[in-house]
Amino acid sequence: MRVLIVDDSTYIRSTLKTLLIEKGYEVIGEAKNGEMAIDMIFDLKPDLVTLDNILPDMTGLDILKIMKTKGVESKVVMISAVGQQSAIVEAEEYGASYYLVKPFDNNELLAILNQLDK
């Protein structure tokens, strides 16, 4: 599974990248803001995007809306410190497969990815 990691935190991107590579996933890119993320989603066509909801230039929900209107079929796992029910519901409405709240459990993330990889 080809994965794009989107998070403004260098630490989170690095942690996710290390975890995913160790488990056999192909990390094809990292984006630290929404504009980068959108460009990479359209250029790289990842199978999965891990997407933070709070980015410097837009929200992950904004990115999800763009993906949905453009017919992007990448699966999305939202990973965010924002755990408000309204954000979770909106993310699911726009096509997110799962919504994890930071700090997240690595085993829970891996179980979700395993399920999405089937």
N, C-alpha and C. Protein backbone atom coordinates (compact mmCIF):
# COMPACT_ATOMS: atom_id res chain seq x y z
N MET A 1 0.85 -1.18 0.00
CA MET A 1 0.00 0.00 0.00
C MET A 1 0.90 1.24 0.00
N ARG A 2 0.63 2.13 -0.93
CA ARG A 2 1.40 3.38 -1.08
C ARG A 2 0.74 4.47 -0.24
N VAL A 3 1.52 5.07 0.68
CA VAL A 3 0.96 5.99 1.67
C VAL A 3 1.58 7.37 1.56
N LEU A 4 0.72 8.40 1.64
CA LEU A 4 1.15 9.79 1.75
C LEU A 4 0.81 10.25 3.17
N ILE A 5 1.80 10.81 3.85
CA ILE A 5 1.61 11.31 5.21
C ILE A 5 1.46 12.82 5.17
N VAL A 6 0.37 13.34 5.74
CA VAL A 6 0.13 14.79 5.76
C VAL A 6 -0.02 15.23 7.21
N ASP A 7 0.96 16.00 7.69
CA ASP A 7 0.92 16.55 9.04
C ASP A 7 1.93 17.68 9.12
N ASP A 8 1.57 18.76 9.81
CA ASP A 8 2.51 19.88 9.93
C ASP A 8 3.62 19.61 10.94
N SER A 9 3.47 18.58 11.74
CA SER A 9 4.48 18.23 12.75
C SER A 9 5.53 17.29 12.15
N THR A 10 6.77 17.77 12.14
CA THR A 10 7.88 16.94 11.66
C THR A 10 7.97 15.66 12.48
N TYR A 11 7.76 15.77 13.79
CA TYR A 11 7.83 14.62 14.68
C TYR A 11 6.79 13.56 14.30
N ILE A 12 5.55 13.99 14.09
CA ILE A 12 4.48 13.03 13.73
C ILE A 12 4.78 12.39 12.38
N ARG A 13 5.20 13.20 11.40
CA ARG A 13 5.52 12.63 10.09
C ARG A 13 6.62 11.59 10.20
N SER A 14 7.67 11.90 10.96
CA SER A 14 8.80 10.99 11.12
C SER A 14 8.37 9.71 11.84
N THR A 15 7.57 9.86 12.89
CA THR A 15 7.09 8.71 13.66
C THR A 15 6.24 7.80 12.79
N LEU A 16 5.30 8.39 12.05
CA LEU A 16 4.44 7.60 11.18
C LEU A 16 5.25 6.91 10.09
N LYS A 17 6.17 7.64 9.49
CA LYS A 17 6.98 7.08 8.42
C LYS A 17 7.76 5.86 8.91
N THR A 18 8.42 5.99 10.04
CA THR A 18 9.20 4.89 10.61
C THR A 18 8.30 3.68 10.88
N LEU A 19 7.16 3.92 11.52
CA LEU A 19 6.23 2.84 11.85
C LEU A 19 5.74 2.14 10.59
N LEU A 20 5.33 2.92 9.60
CA LEU A 20 4.77 2.32 8.39
C LEU A 20 5.81 1.55 7.59
N ILE A 21 7.00 2.10 7.46
CA ILE A 21 8.06 1.40 6.72
C ILE A 21 8.42 0.09 7.41
N GLU A 22 8.50 0.12 8.75
CA GLU A 22 8.80 -1.10 9.51
C GLU A 22 7.76 -2.19 9.26
N LYS A 23 6.52 -1.78 8.99
CA LYS A 23 5.44 -2.75 8.79
C LYS A 23 5.20 -3.05 7.31
N GLY A 24 6.10 -2.58 6.45
CA GLY A 24 6.04 -2.97 5.05
C GLY A 24 5.24 -2.05 4.13
N TYR A 25 4.81 -0.92 4.63
CA TYR A 25 4.10 0.03 3.79
C TYR A 25 5.10 0.90 3.03
N GLU A 26 4.72 1.34 1.86
CA GLU A 26 5.57 2.20 1.04
C GLU A 26 5.14 3.65 1.25
N VAL A 27 5.97 4.42 1.95
CA VAL A 27 5.68 5.83 2.17
C VAL A 27 6.20 6.58 0.94
N ILE A 28 5.28 7.11 0.13
CA ILE A 28 5.66 7.73 -1.14
C ILE A 28 5.84 9.24 -1.02
N GLY A 29 5.49 9.80 0.14
CA GLY A 29 5.69 11.23 0.31
C GLY A 29 5.19 11.73 1.64
N GLU A 30 5.61 12.95 1.96
CA GLU A 30 5.20 13.63 3.18
C GLU A 30 4.86 15.07 2.81
N ALA A 31 3.77 15.57 3.38
CA ALA A 31 3.39 16.96 3.15
C ALA A 31 3.19 17.64 4.49
N LYS A 32 3.68 18.89 4.59
CA LYS A 32 3.58 19.62 5.85
C LYS A 32 2.48 20.69 5.84
N ASN A 33 1.81 20.84 4.68
CA ASN A 33 0.69 21.78 4.62
C ASN A 33 -0.30 21.31 3.57
N GLY A 34 -1.44 21.98 3.52
CA GLY A 34 -2.51 21.57 2.64
C GLY A 34 -2.18 21.69 1.16
N GLU A 35 -1.56 22.79 0.78
CA GLU A 35 -1.23 23.00 -0.63
C GLU A 35 -0.31 21.89 -1.14
N MET A 36 0.72 21.58 -0.35
CA MET A 36 1.63 20.48 -0.70
C MET A 36 0.86 19.17 -0.80
N ALA A 37 -0.03 18.95 0.17
CA ALA A 37 -0.79 17.70 0.22
C ALA A 37 -1.63 17.52 -1.04
N ILE A 38 -2.33 18.57 -1.44
CA ILE A 38 -3.20 18.47 -2.62
C ILE A 38 -2.37 18.17 -3.86
N ASP A 39 -1.26 18.89 -4.02
CA ASP A 39 -0.39 18.63 -5.18
C ASP A 39 0.10 17.18 -5.19
N MET A 40 0.52 16.69 -4.02
CA MET A 40 1.06 15.33 -3.94
C MET A 40 -0.02 14.28 -4.14
N ILE A 41 -1.22 14.54 -3.66
CA ILE A 41 -2.32 13.59 -3.84
C ILE A 41 -2.60 13.41 -5.33
N PHE A 42 -2.64 14.52 -6.07
CA PHE A 42 -2.94 14.42 -7.51
C PHE A 42 -1.75 13.89 -8.31
N ASP A 43 -0.53 14.23 -7.90
CA ASP A 43 0.66 13.77 -8.63
C ASP A 43 1.00 12.30 -8.34
N LEU A 44 0.94 11.91 -7.07
CA LEU A 44 1.41 10.59 -6.65
C LEU A 44 0.31 9.52 -6.61
N LYS A 45 -0.94 9.94 -6.52
CA LYS A 45 -2.08 9.02 -6.45
C LYS A 45 -1.87 7.91 -5.41
N PRO A 46 -1.72 8.30 -4.14
CA PRO A 46 -1.51 7.30 -3.09
C PRO A 46 -2.73 6.41 -2.89
N ASP A 47 -2.48 5.21 -2.38
CA ASP A 47 -3.58 4.32 -2.01
C ASP A 47 -4.25 4.82 -0.73
N LEU A 48 -3.42 5.43 0.14
CA LEU A 48 -3.89 5.88 1.45
C LEU A 48 -3.23 7.20 1.80
N VAL A 49 -4.02 8.08 2.43
CA VAL A 49 -3.50 9.34 2.95
C VAL A 49 -3.78 9.37 4.44
N THR A 50 -2.73 9.58 5.26
CA THR A 50 -2.96 9.89 6.67
C THR A 50 -3.00 11.41 6.72
N LEU A 51 -4.07 11.95 7.27
CA LEU A 51 -4.35 13.38 7.12
C LEU A 51 -4.66 14.04 8.44
N ASP A 52 -3.79 14.99 8.82
CA ASP A 52 -4.04 15.81 9.99
C ASP A 52 -5.18 16.78 9.65
N ASN A 53 -5.98 17.17 10.64
CA ASN A 53 -7.07 18.10 10.36
C ASN A 53 -6.63 19.55 10.51
N ILE A 54 -5.62 19.83 11.31
CA ILE A 54 -5.19 21.20 11.52
C ILE A 54 -3.83 21.40 10.84
N LEU A 55 -3.86 22.12 9.73
CA LEU A 55 -2.66 22.42 8.95
C LEU A 55 -2.51 23.94 8.89
N PRO A 56 -1.31 24.45 8.57
CA PRO A 56 -1.10 25.90 8.59
C PRO A 56 -1.97 26.69 7.60
N ASP A 57 -2.31 26.10 6.46
CA ASP A 57 -2.99 26.86 5.43
C ASP A 57 -4.43 26.45 5.17
N MET A 58 -4.86 25.30 5.67
CA MET A 58 -6.23 24.84 5.52
C MET A 58 -6.45 23.67 6.46
N THR A 59 -7.67 23.17 6.48
CA THR A 59 -7.94 22.01 7.34
C THR A 59 -7.92 20.73 6.52
N GLY A 60 -7.78 19.63 7.21
CA GLY A 60 -7.87 18.34 6.55
C GLY A 60 -9.24 18.14 5.93
N LEU A 61 -10.27 18.71 6.57
CA LEU A 61 -11.62 18.62 6.02
C LEU A 61 -11.70 19.33 4.67
N ASP A 62 -11.00 20.47 4.53
CA ASP A 62 -10.94 21.17 3.24
C ASP A 62 -10.33 20.26 2.17
N ILE A 63 -9.27 19.56 2.55
CA ILE A 63 -8.61 18.65 1.61
C ILE A 63 -9.53 17.50 1.23
N LEU A 64 -10.23 16.95 2.22
CA LEU A 64 -11.19 15.88 1.95
C LEU A 64 -12.26 16.32 0.96
N LYS A 65 -12.77 17.54 1.15
CA LYS A 65 -13.80 18.08 0.25
C LYS A 65 -13.27 18.17 -1.18
N ILE A 66 -12.05 18.65 -1.33
CA ILE A 66 -11.43 18.75 -2.66
C ILE A 66 -11.27 17.36 -3.27
N MET A 67 -10.79 16.43 -2.47
CA MET A 67 -10.62 15.06 -2.96
C MET A 67 -11.94 14.48 -3.44
N LYS A 68 -13.00 14.70 -2.66
CA LYS A 68 -14.30 14.14 -3.01
C LYS A 68 -14.84 14.78 -4.30
N THR A 69 -14.73 16.11 -4.41
CA THR A 69 -15.28 16.77 -5.60
C THR A 69 -14.49 16.42 -6.86
N LYS A 70 -13.21 16.08 -6.71
CA LYS A 70 -12.38 15.72 -7.86
C LYS A 70 -12.36 14.21 -8.13
N GLY A 71 -13.09 13.45 -7.33
CA GLY A 71 -13.19 12.02 -7.56
C GLY A 71 -11.95 11.22 -7.18
N VAL A 72 -11.15 11.74 -6.27
CA VAL A 72 -9.95 11.02 -5.82
C VAL A 72 -10.39 9.81 -5.00
N GLU A 73 -9.81 8.65 -5.31
CA GLU A 73 -10.25 7.42 -4.65
C GLU A 73 -9.31 6.93 -3.55
N SER A 74 -8.31 7.72 -3.20
CA SER A 74 -7.41 7.34 -2.11
C SER A 74 -8.22 7.18 -0.82
N LYS A 75 -7.87 6.17 -0.04
CA LYS A 75 -8.47 6.03 1.28
C LYS A 75 -7.82 7.04 2.20
N VAL A 76 -8.58 7.51 3.20
CA VAL A 76 -8.08 8.54 4.10
C VAL A 76 -8.31 8.13 5.55
N VAL A 77 -7.25 8.22 6.35
CA VAL A 77 -7.35 8.08 7.79
C VAL A 77 -6.99 9.43 8.38
N MET A 78 -7.95 10.08 9.00
CA MET A 78 -7.70 11.35 9.67
C MET A 78 -7.00 11.05 11.00
N ILE A 79 -5.95 11.80 11.28
CA ILE A 79 -5.23 11.67 12.55
C ILE A 79 -5.06 13.08 13.07
N SER A 80 -5.82 13.44 14.10
CA SER A 80 -5.83 14.83 14.53
C SER A 80 -6.02 14.97 16.03
N ALA A 81 -5.53 16.07 16.56
CA ALA A 81 -5.75 16.39 17.97
C ALA A 81 -7.18 16.89 18.18
N VAL A 82 -7.84 17.29 17.10
CA VAL A 82 -9.22 17.76 17.18
C VAL A 82 -10.14 16.56 17.16
N GLY A 83 -10.76 16.29 18.30
CA GLY A 83 -11.62 15.11 18.40
C GLY A 83 -13.08 15.46 18.58
N GLN A 84 -13.48 16.65 18.15
CA GLN A 84 -14.87 17.05 18.29
C GLN A 84 -15.75 16.17 17.41
N GLN A 85 -16.88 15.78 17.94
CA GLN A 85 -17.79 14.89 17.22
C GLN A 85 -18.18 15.48 15.87
N SER A 86 -18.38 16.79 15.81
CA SER A 86 -18.79 17.42 14.55
C SER A 86 -17.71 17.25 13.47
N ALA A 87 -16.45 17.36 13.87
CA ALA A 87 -15.35 17.18 12.91
C ALA A 87 -15.28 15.73 12.44
N ILE A 88 -15.50 14.81 13.35
CA ILE A 88 -15.47 13.39 13.01
C ILE A 88 -16.59 13.05 12.02
N VAL A 89 -17.79 13.54 12.31
CA VAL A 89 -18.93 13.27 11.44
C VAL A 89 -18.70 13.88 10.05
N GLU A 90 -18.21 15.12 10.02
CA GLU A 90 -17.96 15.79 8.74
C GLU A 90 -16.88 15.04 7.94
N ALA A 91 -15.83 14.58 8.62
CA ALA A 91 -14.77 13.83 7.94
C ALA A 91 -15.34 12.57 7.30
N GLU A 92 -16.20 11.87 8.02
CA GLU A 92 -16.80 10.65 7.49
C GLU A 92 -17.73 10.97 6.31
N GLU A 93 -18.45 12.10 6.39
CA GLU A 93 -19.34 12.51 5.30
C GLU A 93 -18.54 12.77 4.02
N TYR A 94 -17.32 13.26 4.17
CA TYR A 94 -16.49 13.58 3.01
C TYR A 94 -15.56 12.44 2.61
N GLY A 95 -15.75 11.26 3.20
CA GLY A 95 -15.06 10.10 2.71
C GLY A 95 -13.92 9.53 3.54
N ALA A 96 -13.65 10.10 4.70
CA ALA A 96 -12.60 9.52 5.55
C ALA A 96 -13.04 8.13 6.02
N SER A 97 -12.13 7.19 5.96
CA SER A 97 -12.44 5.83 6.41
C SER A 97 -12.44 5.73 7.93
N TYR A 98 -11.51 6.44 8.54
CA TYR A 98 -11.38 6.42 10.01
C TYR A 98 -10.91 7.78 10.48
N TYR A 99 -11.13 8.05 11.77
CA TYR A 99 -10.69 9.28 12.40
C TYR A 99 -10.06 8.91 13.73
N LEU A 100 -8.74 9.06 13.83
CA LEU A 100 -8.02 8.79 15.07
C LEU A 100 -7.69 10.10 15.75
N VAL A 101 -7.82 10.12 17.07
CA VAL A 101 -7.49 11.32 17.83
C VAL A 101 -6.10 11.15 18.44
N LYS A 102 -5.26 12.19 18.26
CA LYS A 102 -3.92 12.19 18.85
C LYS A 102 -4.04 12.41 20.34
N PRO A 103 -3.20 11.81 21.15
CA PRO A 103 -2.21 10.81 20.75
C PRO A 103 -2.92 9.49 20.44
N PHE A 104 -2.48 8.83 19.40
CA PHE A 104 -3.10 7.58 18.98
C PHE A 104 -2.21 6.41 19.35
N ASP A 105 -2.82 5.24 19.39
CA ASP A 105 -2.11 4.01 19.69
C ASP A 105 -1.61 3.42 18.37
N ASN A 106 -0.32 3.14 18.29
CA ASN A 106 0.27 2.58 17.06
C ASN A 106 -0.43 1.30 16.61
N ASN A 107 -0.75 0.44 17.57
CA ASN A 107 -1.40 -0.83 17.23
C ASN A 107 -2.79 -0.60 16.64
N GLU A 108 -3.49 0.41 17.16
CA GLU A 108 -4.82 0.73 16.61
C GLU A 108 -4.69 1.21 15.16
N LEU A 109 -3.71 2.08 14.91
CA LEU A 109 -3.48 2.56 13.55
C LEU A 109 -3.13 1.41 12.61
N LEU A 110 -2.25 0.54 13.05
CA LEU A 110 -1.84 -0.60 12.21
C LEU A 110 -3.01 -1.53 11.93
N ALA A 111 -3.88 -1.74 12.90
CA ALA A 111 -5.06 -2.57 12.69
C ALA A 111 -5.98 -1.95 11.64
N ILE A 112 -6.13 -0.63 11.71
CA ILE A 112 -6.95 0.08 10.72
C ILE A 112 -6.35 -0.04 9.34
N LEU A 113 -5.04 0.17 9.22
CA LEU A 113 -4.37 0.08 7.92
C LEU A 113 -4.47 -1.33 7.35
N ASN A 114 -4.32 -2.31 8.22
CA ASN A 114 -4.44 -3.71 7.80
C ASN A 114 -5.83 -3.98 7.23
N GLN A 115 -6.83 -3.44 7.90
CA GLN A 115 -8.21 -3.61 7.44
C GLN A 115 -8.43 -2.91 6.10
N LEU A 116 -7.86 -1.72 5.92
CA LEU A 116 -8.03 -0.96 4.68
C LEU A 116 -7.23 -1.57 3.53
N ASP A 117 -6.22 -2.36 3.85
CA ASP A 117 -5.33 -2.94 2.84
C ASP A 117 -5.92 -4.21 2.22
N LYS A 118 -7.08 -4.63 2.70
CA LYS A 118 -7.67 -5.88 2.21
C LYS A 118 -8.46 -5.64 0.94
